[in-house]
């Protein structure tokens, strides 16, 4: 398997939403796909270039995906391991934001931010957050403080447990998933609800927040 290449940049190319280049290494030209962000930052033709490579072997093709930093390639591998996320979507995610921003978006379940990447819908964004959140936080964020621990979610003590159950049950009955409900409660907890506000008020504010997320 090819894991790293160093050579001379020639023939940067774009085909629809795909971006790539030819990397000539000791007389052999390797066709490598890269993110749009990296493609836009390429040096001039003829420049020396080294890339960390993810090598995919299919029945009909050998595909190379190149990244300037090893951690970008490792993050790409985590992304494409998620069901429904292929190489082009992985490149799209890394092209839409830098690796740190992407990890933060996944860890914080920032669905709106994730859906800004080409081809990423709400369900895929949810799957990324559910499947990768813990692993990415441990692997890429190191000692990053868990956002839920620092979030005003602790202020949900203002909502009695019985009321919290009512909010969950009501929103679930309306078709919202657990992750969506959790994020809505976190968002509403920073709002202007008075201490001891009834569950009906929490439901109303959660629905208002959820409707903005979908819009």
N, C-alpha and C. Protein backbone atom coordinates (compact mmCIF):
# COMPACT_ATOMS: atom_id res chain seq x y z
N UNK A 1 0.84 -1.20 0.00
CA UNK A 1 0.00 0.00 0.00
C UNK A 1 0.88 1.26 0.00
N UNK A 2 0.44 2.27 -0.72
CA UNK A 2 1.16 3.53 -0.78
C UNK A 2 0.70 4.41 0.38
N UNK A 3 1.64 4.88 1.20
CA UNK A 3 1.28 5.70 2.36
C UNK A 3 1.83 7.12 2.31
N UNK A 4 2.82 7.35 1.45
CA UNK A 4 3.44 8.68 1.38
C UNK A 4 4.15 8.82 0.05
N UNK A 5 4.06 9.98 -0.56
CA UNK A 5 4.73 10.24 -1.83
C UNK A 5 5.41 11.60 -1.78
N UNK A 6 6.58 11.67 -2.39
CA UNK A 6 7.29 12.93 -2.52
C UNK A 6 7.75 13.07 -3.97
N UNK A 7 7.43 14.19 -4.56
CA UNK A 7 7.79 14.35 -5.96
C UNK A 7 7.59 15.77 -6.43
N UNK A 8 7.32 15.89 -7.72
CA UNK A 8 7.17 17.19 -8.36
C UNK A 8 5.73 17.37 -8.80
N UNK A 9 5.14 18.48 -8.41
CA UNK A 9 3.75 18.77 -8.77
C UNK A 9 3.64 19.12 -10.25
N UNK A 10 2.76 18.42 -10.95
CA UNK A 10 2.44 18.76 -12.33
C UNK A 10 0.95 18.60 -12.55
N UNK A 11 0.42 19.35 -13.45
CA UNK A 11 -0.95 19.22 -13.93
C UNK A 11 -2.01 19.17 -12.83
N UNK A 12 -2.18 20.23 -12.05
CA UNK A 12 -3.35 20.29 -11.17
C UNK A 12 -4.62 20.24 -12.03
N UNK A 13 -5.63 19.52 -11.59
CA UNK A 13 -6.84 19.38 -12.39
C UNK A 13 -8.10 19.48 -11.54
N UNK A 14 -9.19 19.81 -12.21
CA UNK A 14 -10.51 19.86 -11.59
C UNK A 14 -11.51 19.23 -12.55
N UNK A 15 -12.29 18.29 -12.04
CA UNK A 15 -13.34 17.65 -12.80
C UNK A 15 -14.63 17.74 -12.00
N UNK A 16 -15.51 18.64 -12.41
CA UNK A 16 -16.73 18.90 -11.67
C UNK A 16 -16.35 19.30 -10.24
N UNK A 17 -16.72 18.50 -9.24
CA UNK A 17 -16.43 18.84 -7.85
C UNK A 17 -15.23 18.08 -7.31
N UNK A 18 -14.48 17.46 -8.20
CA UNK A 18 -13.30 16.72 -7.79
C UNK A 18 -12.04 17.52 -8.13
N UNK A 19 -11.07 17.43 -7.24
CA UNK A 19 -9.84 18.19 -7.40
C UNK A 19 -8.66 17.25 -7.23
N UNK A 20 -7.64 17.47 -8.03
CA UNK A 20 -6.49 16.58 -7.94
C UNK A 20 -5.27 17.14 -8.63
N UNK A 21 -4.26 16.28 -8.75
CA UNK A 21 -2.99 16.69 -9.34
C UNK A 21 -2.23 15.44 -9.78
N UNK A 22 -1.23 15.66 -10.59
CA UNK A 22 -0.28 14.62 -10.94
C UNK A 22 0.99 14.88 -10.14
N UNK A 23 1.45 13.86 -9.45
CA UNK A 23 2.68 13.97 -8.67
C UNK A 23 3.70 13.03 -9.30
N UNK A 24 4.75 13.61 -9.85
CA UNK A 24 5.77 12.82 -10.55
C UNK A 24 6.88 12.46 -9.57
N UNK A 25 7.06 11.16 -9.36
CA UNK A 25 8.05 10.65 -8.41
C UNK A 25 9.00 9.72 -9.17
N UNK A 26 10.22 10.15 -9.37
CA UNK A 26 11.25 9.36 -10.03
C UNK A 26 10.75 8.78 -11.36
N UNK A 27 10.16 9.65 -12.16
CA UNK A 27 9.75 9.25 -13.49
C UNK A 27 8.38 8.60 -13.57
N UNK A 28 7.70 8.42 -12.45
CA UNK A 28 6.35 7.83 -12.43
C UNK A 28 5.35 8.89 -11.98
N UNK A 29 4.27 9.08 -12.74
CA UNK A 29 3.26 10.06 -12.38
C UNK A 29 2.10 9.42 -11.64
N UNK A 30 1.80 9.91 -10.46
CA UNK A 30 0.70 9.39 -9.65
C UNK A 30 -0.46 10.40 -9.67
N UNK A 31 -1.63 9.95 -10.02
CA UNK A 31 -2.82 10.80 -10.03
C UNK A 31 -3.42 10.78 -8.63
N UNK A 32 -3.47 11.93 -7.98
CA UNK A 32 -3.87 12.00 -6.56
C UNK A 32 -5.02 13.00 -6.41
N UNK A 33 -6.08 12.58 -5.75
CA UNK A 33 -7.17 13.50 -5.43
C UNK A 33 -6.88 14.18 -4.09
N UNK A 34 -7.26 15.46 -4.01
CA UNK A 34 -7.06 16.24 -2.79
C UNK A 34 -8.34 17.02 -2.49
N UNK A 35 -8.39 17.64 -1.33
CA UNK A 35 -9.54 18.46 -1.00
C UNK A 35 -9.50 19.77 -1.79
N UNK A 36 -10.64 20.40 -1.94
CA UNK A 36 -10.68 21.69 -2.63
C UNK A 36 -9.83 22.72 -1.91
N UNK A 37 -9.87 22.69 -0.58
CA UNK A 37 -9.09 23.66 0.20
C UNK A 37 -7.60 23.49 -0.07
N UNK A 38 -7.12 22.23 -0.10
CA UNK A 38 -5.71 22.00 -0.36
C UNK A 38 -5.36 22.34 -1.81
N UNK A 39 -6.26 22.02 -2.73
CA UNK A 39 -6.02 22.30 -4.16
C UNK A 39 -5.83 23.79 -4.39
N UNK A 40 -6.62 24.58 -3.68
CA UNK A 40 -6.52 26.04 -3.83
C UNK A 40 -5.23 26.59 -3.25
N UNK A 41 -4.56 25.83 -2.41
CA UNK A 41 -3.33 26.29 -1.76
C UNK A 41 -2.07 25.65 -2.36
N UNK A 42 -2.21 24.94 -3.47
CA UNK A 42 -1.07 24.26 -4.07
C UNK A 42 -0.03 25.28 -4.54
N UNK A 43 1.24 24.91 -4.45
CA UNK A 43 2.28 25.77 -5.03
C UNK A 43 2.25 25.68 -6.56
N UNK A 44 3.10 26.41 -7.21
CA UNK A 44 3.12 26.40 -8.66
C UNK A 44 3.58 25.08 -9.25
N UNK A 45 3.21 24.84 -10.50
CA UNK A 45 3.65 23.61 -11.17
C UNK A 45 5.17 23.53 -11.17
N UNK A 46 5.67 22.33 -10.99
CA UNK A 46 7.11 22.11 -10.93
C UNK A 46 7.67 22.17 -9.53
N UNK A 47 6.85 22.58 -8.57
CA UNK A 47 7.30 22.67 -7.17
C UNK A 47 7.40 21.29 -6.54
N UNK A 48 8.30 21.16 -5.59
CA UNK A 48 8.39 19.92 -4.81
C UNK A 48 7.18 19.82 -3.89
N UNK A 49 6.66 18.62 -3.76
CA UNK A 49 5.46 18.41 -2.94
C UNK A 49 5.50 17.02 -2.35
N UNK A 50 5.14 16.91 -1.09
CA UNK A 50 5.00 15.60 -0.45
C UNK A 50 3.60 15.49 0.13
N UNK A 51 3.03 14.29 0.04
CA UNK A 51 1.66 14.06 0.49
C UNK A 51 1.56 12.75 1.25
N UNK A 52 0.80 12.76 2.32
CA UNK A 52 0.42 11.52 3.00
C UNK A 52 -0.75 10.94 2.22
N UNK A 53 -0.69 9.65 1.93
CA UNK A 53 -1.61 9.04 0.97
C UNK A 53 -2.54 8.03 1.65
N UNK A 54 -3.81 8.11 1.29
CA UNK A 54 -4.75 7.02 1.57
C UNK A 54 -4.99 6.28 0.27
N UNK A 55 -4.69 5.00 0.25
CA UNK A 55 -4.70 4.19 -0.96
C UNK A 55 -5.91 3.25 -0.93
N UNK A 56 -6.82 3.43 -1.87
CA UNK A 56 -8.01 2.59 -1.96
C UNK A 56 -7.91 1.70 -3.20
N UNK A 57 -8.13 0.40 -3.01
CA UNK A 57 -8.08 -0.54 -4.13
C UNK A 57 -9.48 -1.07 -4.41
N UNK A 58 -9.96 -0.84 -5.62
CA UNK A 58 -11.25 -1.35 -6.06
C UNK A 58 -11.03 -2.32 -7.22
N UNK A 59 -12.09 -3.01 -7.59
CA UNK A 59 -11.98 -3.95 -8.70
C UNK A 59 -11.60 -3.25 -10.00
N UNK A 60 -12.08 -2.01 -10.16
CA UNK A 60 -11.86 -1.31 -11.42
C UNK A 60 -10.83 -0.19 -11.35
N UNK A 61 -10.25 0.06 -10.16
CA UNK A 61 -9.31 1.19 -10.07
C UNK A 61 -8.53 1.15 -8.76
N UNK A 62 -7.34 1.74 -8.81
CA UNK A 62 -6.57 2.06 -7.61
C UNK A 62 -6.66 3.56 -7.44
N UNK A 63 -7.13 4.03 -6.30
CA UNK A 63 -7.35 5.46 -6.08
C UNK A 63 -6.44 5.96 -4.97
N UNK A 64 -5.85 7.14 -5.21
CA UNK A 64 -4.97 7.77 -4.23
C UNK A 64 -5.58 9.09 -3.78
N UNK A 65 -5.62 9.30 -2.46
CA UNK A 65 -6.11 10.54 -1.88
C UNK A 65 -4.98 11.13 -1.04
N UNK A 66 -4.63 12.38 -1.33
CA UNK A 66 -3.46 12.97 -0.71
C UNK A 66 -3.78 14.07 0.29
N UNK A 67 -2.95 14.16 1.33
CA UNK A 67 -3.15 15.13 2.42
C UNK A 67 -1.80 15.69 2.85
N UNK A 68 -1.78 16.98 3.12
CA UNK A 68 -0.54 17.63 3.49
C UNK A 68 -0.01 17.21 4.85
N UNK A 69 -0.92 16.84 5.74
CA UNK A 69 -0.53 16.43 7.10
C UNK A 69 -1.06 15.04 7.41
N UNK A 70 -0.30 14.31 8.20
CA UNK A 70 -0.72 12.95 8.52
C UNK A 70 -2.05 12.91 9.26
N UNK A 71 -2.25 13.88 10.18
CA UNK A 71 -3.49 13.85 10.96
C UNK A 71 -4.72 14.07 10.08
N UNK A 72 -4.53 14.80 8.95
CA UNK A 72 -5.65 14.97 8.01
C UNK A 72 -6.01 13.63 7.37
N UNK A 73 -4.98 12.89 6.97
CA UNK A 73 -5.24 11.58 6.39
C UNK A 73 -5.90 10.65 7.42
N UNK A 74 -5.43 10.70 8.66
CA UNK A 74 -6.02 9.84 9.69
C UNK A 74 -7.48 10.21 9.94
N UNK A 75 -7.79 11.50 9.93
CA UNK A 75 -9.17 11.94 10.10
C UNK A 75 -10.02 11.49 8.92
N UNK A 76 -9.48 11.59 7.72
CA UNK A 76 -10.18 11.11 6.53
C UNK A 76 -10.54 9.63 6.67
N UNK A 77 -9.62 8.85 7.17
CA UNK A 77 -9.88 7.41 7.36
C UNK A 77 -10.98 7.16 8.37
N UNK A 78 -11.04 7.97 9.42
CA UNK A 78 -12.12 7.86 10.39
C UNK A 78 -13.46 8.18 9.71
N UNK A 79 -13.48 9.21 8.88
CA UNK A 79 -14.73 9.63 8.22
C UNK A 79 -15.26 8.54 7.30
N UNK A 80 -14.40 7.98 6.45
CA UNK A 80 -14.88 7.02 5.45
C UNK A 80 -15.22 5.67 6.08
N UNK A 81 -14.87 5.48 7.35
CA UNK A 81 -15.26 4.25 8.05
C UNK A 81 -16.71 4.30 8.51
N UNK A 82 -17.33 5.49 8.46
CA UNK A 82 -18.73 5.64 8.87
C UNK A 82 -19.64 5.21 7.72
N UNK A 83 -20.66 4.46 8.03
CA UNK A 83 -21.60 3.98 7.03
C UNK A 83 -22.19 5.15 6.25
N UNK A 84 -22.13 5.06 4.94
CA UNK A 84 -22.73 6.10 4.10
C UNK A 84 -21.79 7.24 3.75
N UNK A 85 -20.57 7.20 4.29
CA UNK A 85 -19.60 8.26 4.00
C UNK A 85 -18.51 7.67 3.11
N UNK A 86 -18.50 8.07 1.84
CA UNK A 86 -17.49 7.60 0.91
C UNK A 86 -16.34 8.58 0.80
N UNK A 87 -15.34 8.26 -0.01
CA UNK A 87 -14.18 9.14 -0.15
C UNK A 87 -14.52 10.55 -0.60
N UNK A 88 -15.47 10.70 -1.54
CA UNK A 88 -15.78 12.04 -2.02
C UNK A 88 -16.43 12.89 -0.93
N UNK A 89 -17.28 12.27 -0.11
CA UNK A 89 -17.88 13.01 0.99
C UNK A 89 -16.83 13.34 2.04
N UNK A 90 -15.91 12.41 2.28
CA UNK A 90 -14.83 12.68 3.22
C UNK A 90 -13.98 13.85 2.78
N UNK A 91 -13.65 13.89 1.48
CA UNK A 91 -12.91 15.03 0.95
C UNK A 91 -13.72 16.31 1.05
N UNK A 92 -15.03 16.20 0.82
CA UNK A 92 -15.89 17.37 0.91
C UNK A 92 -15.92 17.95 2.31
N UNK A 93 -15.97 17.08 3.32
CA UNK A 93 -15.96 17.54 4.71
C UNK A 93 -14.65 18.23 5.05
N UNK A 94 -13.53 17.63 4.64
CA UNK A 94 -12.24 18.23 4.94
C UNK A 94 -11.96 19.45 4.08
N UNK A 95 -12.66 19.56 2.95
CA UNK A 95 -12.52 20.74 2.13
C UNK A 95 -13.35 21.91 2.62
N UNK A 96 -14.44 21.60 3.34
CA UNK A 96 -15.34 22.65 3.81
C UNK A 96 -14.83 23.34 5.06
N UNK A 97 -13.98 22.67 5.82
CA UNK A 97 -13.45 23.26 7.06
C UNK A 97 -12.12 22.59 7.38
N UNK A 98 -11.30 23.25 8.17
CA UNK A 98 -10.02 22.64 8.50
C UNK A 98 -10.24 21.52 9.51
N UNK A 99 -9.27 20.62 9.68
CA UNK A 99 -9.48 19.45 10.54
C UNK A 99 -9.94 19.79 11.96
N UNK A 100 -9.37 20.83 12.54
CA UNK A 100 -9.78 21.20 13.90
C UNK A 100 -11.24 21.60 13.96
N UNK A 101 -11.68 22.39 12.99
CA UNK A 101 -13.09 22.80 12.94
C UNK A 101 -14.01 21.61 12.73
N UNK A 102 -13.57 20.68 11.88
CA UNK A 102 -14.39 19.50 11.60
C UNK A 102 -14.54 18.62 12.83
N UNK A 103 -13.43 18.40 13.54
CA UNK A 103 -13.51 17.59 14.76
C UNK A 103 -14.42 18.27 15.78
N UNK A 104 -14.29 19.57 15.93
CA UNK A 104 -15.15 20.30 16.86
C UNK A 104 -16.62 20.16 16.46
N UNK A 105 -16.90 20.27 15.17
CA UNK A 105 -18.29 20.16 14.72
C UNK A 105 -18.86 18.79 15.02
N UNK A 106 -18.06 17.75 14.86
CA UNK A 106 -18.53 16.39 15.14
C UNK A 106 -18.70 16.18 16.64
N UNK A 107 -17.71 16.60 17.41
CA UNK A 107 -17.77 16.42 18.87
C UNK A 107 -18.96 17.16 19.47
N UNK A 108 -19.23 18.36 18.95
CA UNK A 108 -20.33 19.17 19.47
C UNK A 108 -21.66 18.88 18.78
N UNK A 109 -21.67 17.87 17.88
CA UNK A 109 -22.88 17.54 17.13
C UNK A 109 -23.49 18.77 16.46
N UNK A 110 -22.63 19.56 15.84
CA UNK A 110 -23.07 20.78 15.16
C UNK A 110 -23.56 20.38 13.77
N UNK A 111 -24.80 19.94 13.69
CA UNK A 111 -25.34 19.41 12.44
C UNK A 111 -25.38 20.46 11.34
N UNK A 112 -25.72 21.66 11.71
CA UNK A 112 -25.80 22.73 10.69
C UNK A 112 -24.44 22.94 10.04
N UNK A 113 -23.41 22.97 10.84
CA UNK A 113 -22.06 23.16 10.29
C UNK A 113 -21.67 21.98 9.40
N UNK A 114 -21.95 20.77 9.84
CA UNK A 114 -21.60 19.58 9.06
C UNK A 114 -22.36 19.54 7.74
N UNK A 115 -23.60 19.98 7.76
CA UNK A 115 -24.43 19.94 6.54
C UNK A 115 -24.00 20.97 5.51
N UNK A 116 -23.09 21.86 5.85
CA UNK A 116 -22.58 22.81 4.88
C UNK A 116 -21.60 22.16 3.92
N UNK A 117 -21.09 20.97 4.27
CA UNK A 117 -20.19 20.25 3.37
C UNK A 117 -21.00 19.64 2.23
N UNK A 118 -20.46 19.62 1.02
CA UNK A 118 -21.21 19.08 -0.13
C UNK A 118 -21.60 17.63 0.06
N UNK A 119 -22.88 17.35 -0.18
CA UNK A 119 -23.38 15.98 -0.13
C UNK A 119 -23.76 15.48 1.25
N UNK A 120 -23.55 16.28 2.28
CA UNK A 120 -23.83 15.84 3.66
C UNK A 120 -25.23 16.30 4.05
N UNK A 121 -26.12 15.34 4.29
CA UNK A 121 -27.46 15.64 4.76
C UNK A 121 -27.57 15.50 6.26
N UNK A 122 -28.74 15.79 6.76
CA UNK A 122 -28.94 15.80 8.21
C UNK A 122 -28.71 14.43 8.83
N UNK A 123 -29.20 13.37 8.19
CA UNK A 123 -29.04 12.02 8.76
C UNK A 123 -27.57 11.61 8.78
N UNK A 124 -26.84 11.94 7.72
CA UNK A 124 -25.42 11.62 7.69
C UNK A 124 -24.67 12.40 8.76
N UNK A 125 -25.02 13.66 8.94
CA UNK A 125 -24.39 14.47 9.98
C UNK A 125 -24.64 13.87 11.36
N UNK A 126 -25.85 13.41 11.60
CA UNK A 126 -26.17 12.78 12.88
C UNK A 126 -25.35 11.51 13.07
N UNK A 127 -25.21 10.73 11.99
CA UNK A 127 -24.45 9.48 12.08
C UNK A 127 -22.98 9.78 12.40
N UNK A 128 -22.43 10.79 11.77
CA UNK A 128 -21.05 11.18 12.06
C UNK A 128 -20.88 11.53 13.54
N UNK A 129 -21.82 12.32 14.06
CA UNK A 129 -21.72 12.74 15.46
C UNK A 129 -21.86 11.55 16.41
N UNK A 130 -22.79 10.67 16.12
CA UNK A 130 -23.03 9.53 17.01
C UNK A 130 -21.87 8.55 16.98
N UNK A 131 -21.36 8.23 15.78
CA UNK A 131 -20.35 7.19 15.66
C UNK A 131 -18.93 7.66 15.98
N UNK A 132 -18.65 8.95 15.74
CA UNK A 132 -17.27 9.40 15.85
C UNK A 132 -16.98 10.30 17.04
N UNK A 133 -18.01 10.79 17.68
CA UNK A 133 -17.80 11.82 18.69
C UNK A 133 -16.76 11.43 19.74
N UNK A 134 -16.96 10.32 20.41
CA UNK A 134 -16.06 9.93 21.49
C UNK A 134 -14.67 9.63 20.97
N UNK A 135 -14.60 8.87 19.88
CA UNK A 135 -13.29 8.48 19.35
C UNK A 135 -12.48 9.69 18.89
N UNK A 136 -13.13 10.63 18.21
CA UNK A 136 -12.40 11.81 17.74
C UNK A 136 -11.97 12.69 18.89
N UNK A 137 -12.82 12.80 19.89
CA UNK A 137 -12.46 13.62 21.04
C UNK A 137 -11.21 13.07 21.71
N UNK A 138 -11.14 11.75 21.86
CA UNK A 138 -10.00 11.13 22.51
C UNK A 138 -8.76 11.18 21.63
N UNK A 139 -8.95 10.97 20.33
CA UNK A 139 -7.79 10.83 19.45
C UNK A 139 -7.23 12.15 18.97
N UNK A 140 -8.10 13.10 18.63
CA UNK A 140 -7.65 14.32 17.98
C UNK A 140 -7.68 15.56 18.87
N UNK A 141 -8.51 15.54 19.90
CA UNK A 141 -8.62 16.74 20.71
C UNK A 141 -7.82 16.67 22.00
N UNK A 142 -7.24 15.50 22.28
CA UNK A 142 -6.38 15.37 23.45
C UNK A 142 -7.10 15.74 24.72
N UNK A 143 -6.65 16.82 25.33
CA UNK A 143 -7.17 17.23 26.62
C UNK A 143 -8.33 18.21 26.50
N UNK A 144 -8.95 18.29 25.30
CA UNK A 144 -10.07 19.22 25.12
C UNK A 144 -11.15 18.94 26.15
N UNK A 145 -11.62 19.95 26.78
CA UNK A 145 -12.68 19.81 27.77
C UNK A 145 -13.96 19.39 27.09
N UNK A 146 -14.64 18.42 27.66
CA UNK A 146 -15.91 17.97 27.09
C UNK A 146 -16.89 19.13 27.13
N UNK A 147 -17.39 19.49 25.95
CA UNK A 147 -18.26 20.66 25.83
C UNK A 147 -19.53 20.51 26.65
N UNK A 148 -19.99 19.28 26.84
CA UNK A 148 -21.21 19.11 27.62
C UNK A 148 -20.97 19.43 29.08
N UNK A 149 -19.72 19.15 29.55
CA UNK A 149 -19.42 19.45 30.94
C UNK A 149 -19.38 20.95 31.18
N UNK A 150 -18.95 21.72 30.16
CA UNK A 150 -18.87 23.15 30.33
C UNK A 150 -20.11 23.86 29.82
N UNK A 151 -21.00 23.12 29.15
CA UNK A 151 -22.22 23.70 28.64
C UNK A 151 -23.18 24.02 29.77
N UNK A 152 -24.12 24.91 29.55
CA UNK A 152 -25.14 25.17 30.55
C UNK A 152 -26.15 24.04 30.66
N UNK A 153 -25.83 22.87 30.09
CA UNK A 153 -26.73 21.74 30.24
C UNK A 153 -26.95 21.41 31.71
N UNK A 154 -25.92 21.70 32.54
CA UNK A 154 -26.08 21.46 33.97
C UNK A 154 -27.25 22.25 34.52
N UNK A 155 -27.60 23.35 33.85
CA UNK A 155 -28.71 24.17 34.31
C UNK A 155 -30.06 23.53 34.04
N UNK A 156 -30.05 22.34 33.45
CA UNK A 156 -31.31 21.62 33.29
C UNK A 156 -31.87 21.18 34.65
N UNK A 157 -31.07 21.41 35.68
CA UNK A 157 -31.62 21.18 37.02
C UNK A 157 -32.80 22.11 37.27
N UNK A 158 -32.88 23.19 36.46
CA UNK A 158 -34.04 24.08 36.55
C UNK A 158 -35.31 23.38 36.08
N UNK A 159 -35.13 22.31 35.33
CA UNK A 159 -36.27 21.54 34.84
C UNK A 159 -36.32 20.23 35.61
N UNK A 160 -37.36 20.00 36.42
CA UNK A 160 -37.45 18.77 37.21
C UNK A 160 -37.37 17.53 36.31
N UNK A 161 -36.91 16.43 36.89
CA UNK A 161 -36.74 15.20 36.11
C UNK A 161 -38.04 14.78 35.44
N UNK A 162 -39.16 14.95 36.15
CA UNK A 162 -40.45 14.57 35.56
C UNK A 162 -40.76 15.42 34.33
N UNK A 163 -40.43 16.72 34.42
CA UNK A 163 -40.64 17.61 33.29
C UNK A 163 -39.72 17.27 32.13
N UNK A 164 -38.49 16.87 32.46
CA UNK A 164 -37.53 16.50 31.41
C UNK A 164 -38.04 15.27 30.65
N UNK A 165 -38.59 14.31 31.40
CA UNK A 165 -39.16 13.13 30.75
C UNK A 165 -40.32 13.52 29.83
N UNK A 166 -41.12 14.46 30.28
CA UNK A 166 -42.25 14.90 29.46
C UNK A 166 -41.76 15.55 28.17
N UNK A 167 -40.70 16.36 28.28
CA UNK A 167 -40.15 16.99 27.08
C UNK A 167 -39.64 15.93 26.11
N UNK A 168 -38.87 14.98 26.62
CA UNK A 168 -38.33 13.92 25.76
C UNK A 168 -39.45 13.14 25.09
N UNK A 169 -40.44 12.73 25.86
CA UNK A 169 -41.52 11.92 25.31
C UNK A 169 -42.31 12.69 24.25
N UNK A 170 -42.57 13.97 24.53
CA UNK A 170 -43.35 14.77 23.58
C UNK A 170 -42.60 14.96 22.27
N UNK A 171 -41.34 15.34 22.37
CA UNK A 171 -40.55 15.57 21.15
C UNK A 171 -40.30 14.27 20.39
N UNK A 172 -40.11 13.18 21.13
CA UNK A 172 -39.93 11.89 20.46
C UNK A 172 -41.20 11.49 19.72
N UNK A 173 -42.36 11.79 20.32
CA UNK A 173 -43.64 11.47 19.67
C UNK A 173 -43.83 12.29 18.40
N UNK A 174 -43.18 13.46 18.35
CA UNK A 174 -43.26 14.31 17.16
C UNK A 174 -42.25 13.90 16.09
N UNK A 175 -41.47 12.85 16.37
CA UNK A 175 -40.55 12.32 15.36
C UNK A 175 -39.11 12.73 15.52
N UNK A 176 -38.77 13.45 16.58
CA UNK A 176 -37.39 13.87 16.76
C UNK A 176 -36.59 12.75 17.44
N UNK A 177 -35.33 12.64 17.05
CA UNK A 177 -34.47 11.61 17.61
C UNK A 177 -33.78 12.11 18.87
N UNK A 178 -33.20 11.14 19.60
CA UNK A 178 -32.61 11.47 20.91
C UNK A 178 -31.52 12.53 20.78
N UNK A 179 -30.67 12.42 19.75
CA UNK A 179 -29.61 13.40 19.58
C UNK A 179 -30.16 14.79 19.33
N UNK A 180 -31.20 14.90 18.53
CA UNK A 180 -31.83 16.19 18.25
C UNK A 180 -32.42 16.78 19.53
N UNK A 181 -33.09 15.96 20.30
CA UNK A 181 -33.71 16.43 21.55
C UNK A 181 -32.63 16.89 22.52
N UNK A 182 -31.57 16.13 22.62
CA UNK A 182 -30.47 16.47 23.51
C UNK A 182 -29.88 17.83 23.14
N UNK A 183 -29.66 18.06 21.86
CA UNK A 183 -29.07 19.32 21.41
C UNK A 183 -30.04 20.48 21.63
N UNK A 184 -31.32 20.23 21.42
CA UNK A 184 -32.30 21.28 21.64
C UNK A 184 -32.35 21.69 23.11
N UNK A 185 -32.30 20.72 24.00
CA UNK A 185 -32.31 21.03 25.43
C UNK A 185 -31.08 21.83 25.82
N UNK A 186 -29.92 21.45 25.25
CA UNK A 186 -28.70 22.20 25.53
C UNK A 186 -28.84 23.65 25.09
N UNK A 187 -29.41 23.83 23.89
CA UNK A 187 -29.56 25.19 23.36
C UNK A 187 -30.53 26.01 24.19
N UNK A 188 -31.65 25.40 24.55
CA UNK A 188 -32.68 26.12 25.31
C UNK A 188 -32.19 26.45 26.71
N UNK A 189 -31.30 25.61 27.25
CA UNK A 189 -30.81 25.83 28.61
C UNK A 189 -30.05 27.15 28.75
N UNK A 190 -29.54 27.68 27.63
CA UNK A 190 -28.81 28.95 27.71
C UNK A 190 -29.74 30.13 27.47
N UNK A 191 -31.00 29.87 27.23
CA UNK A 191 -31.95 30.91 26.90
C UNK A 191 -32.47 31.66 28.11
N UNK A 192 -33.65 32.23 27.93
CA UNK A 192 -34.18 33.14 28.96
C UNK A 192 -35.32 32.54 29.77
N UNK A 193 -35.45 31.21 29.73
CA UNK A 193 -36.51 30.60 30.53
C UNK A 193 -36.26 30.84 32.01
N UNK A 194 -37.31 31.18 32.70
CA UNK A 194 -37.18 31.43 34.13
C UNK A 194 -37.04 30.11 34.89
N UNK A 195 -36.40 30.20 36.05
CA UNK A 195 -36.28 29.02 36.89
C UNK A 195 -37.67 28.48 37.22
N UNK A 196 -37.82 27.17 37.09
CA UNK A 196 -39.11 26.56 37.39
C UNK A 196 -40.11 26.66 36.26
N UNK A 197 -39.68 27.09 35.06
CA UNK A 197 -40.60 27.17 33.92
C UNK A 197 -41.18 25.79 33.65
N UNK A 198 -42.47 25.71 33.33
CA UNK A 198 -43.10 24.41 33.11
C UNK A 198 -42.57 23.71 31.86
N UNK A 199 -42.79 22.40 31.82
CA UNK A 199 -42.32 21.61 30.68
C UNK A 199 -42.88 22.13 29.37
N UNK A 200 -44.10 22.68 29.39
CA UNK A 200 -44.70 23.19 28.15
C UNK A 200 -43.84 24.30 27.54
N UNK A 201 -43.26 25.14 28.39
CA UNK A 201 -42.41 26.21 27.89
C UNK A 201 -41.13 25.64 27.27
N UNK A 202 -40.57 24.62 27.91
CA UNK A 202 -39.37 23.98 27.37
C UNK A 202 -39.69 23.35 26.02
N UNK A 203 -40.83 22.69 25.93
CA UNK A 203 -41.21 22.06 24.66
C UNK A 203 -41.36 23.11 23.56
N UNK A 204 -42.01 24.21 23.90
CA UNK A 204 -42.21 25.27 22.90
C UNK A 204 -40.88 25.83 22.42
N UNK A 205 -39.95 26.09 23.36
CA UNK A 205 -38.65 26.65 22.98
C UNK A 205 -37.81 25.63 22.21
N UNK A 206 -37.92 24.37 22.61
CA UNK A 206 -37.19 23.33 21.87
C UNK A 206 -37.70 23.22 20.43
N UNK A 207 -39.01 23.26 20.26
CA UNK A 207 -39.58 23.19 18.92
C UNK A 207 -39.17 24.40 18.09
N UNK A 208 -39.11 25.55 18.72
CA UNK A 208 -38.70 26.75 18.01
C UNK A 208 -37.25 26.61 17.54
N UNK A 209 -36.39 26.10 18.42
CA UNK A 209 -34.99 25.91 18.06
C UNK A 209 -34.83 24.85 16.97
N UNK A 210 -35.56 23.75 17.11
CA UNK A 210 -35.48 22.67 16.13
C UNK A 210 -35.98 23.13 14.75
N UNK A 211 -36.99 23.97 14.73
CA UNK A 211 -37.50 24.44 13.45
C UNK A 211 -36.47 25.34 12.76
N UNK A 212 -35.68 26.08 13.53
CA UNK A 212 -34.63 26.91 12.93
C UNK A 212 -33.52 26.03 12.37
N UNK A 213 -33.22 24.91 13.06
CA UNK A 213 -32.17 24.02 12.59
C UNK A 213 -32.53 23.38 11.26
N UNK A 214 -33.81 23.04 11.09
CA UNK A 214 -34.26 22.38 9.87
C UNK A 214 -34.33 23.38 8.72
N UNK A 215 -34.70 24.63 9.04
CA UNK A 215 -34.87 25.65 7.99
C UNK A 215 -33.58 25.94 7.25
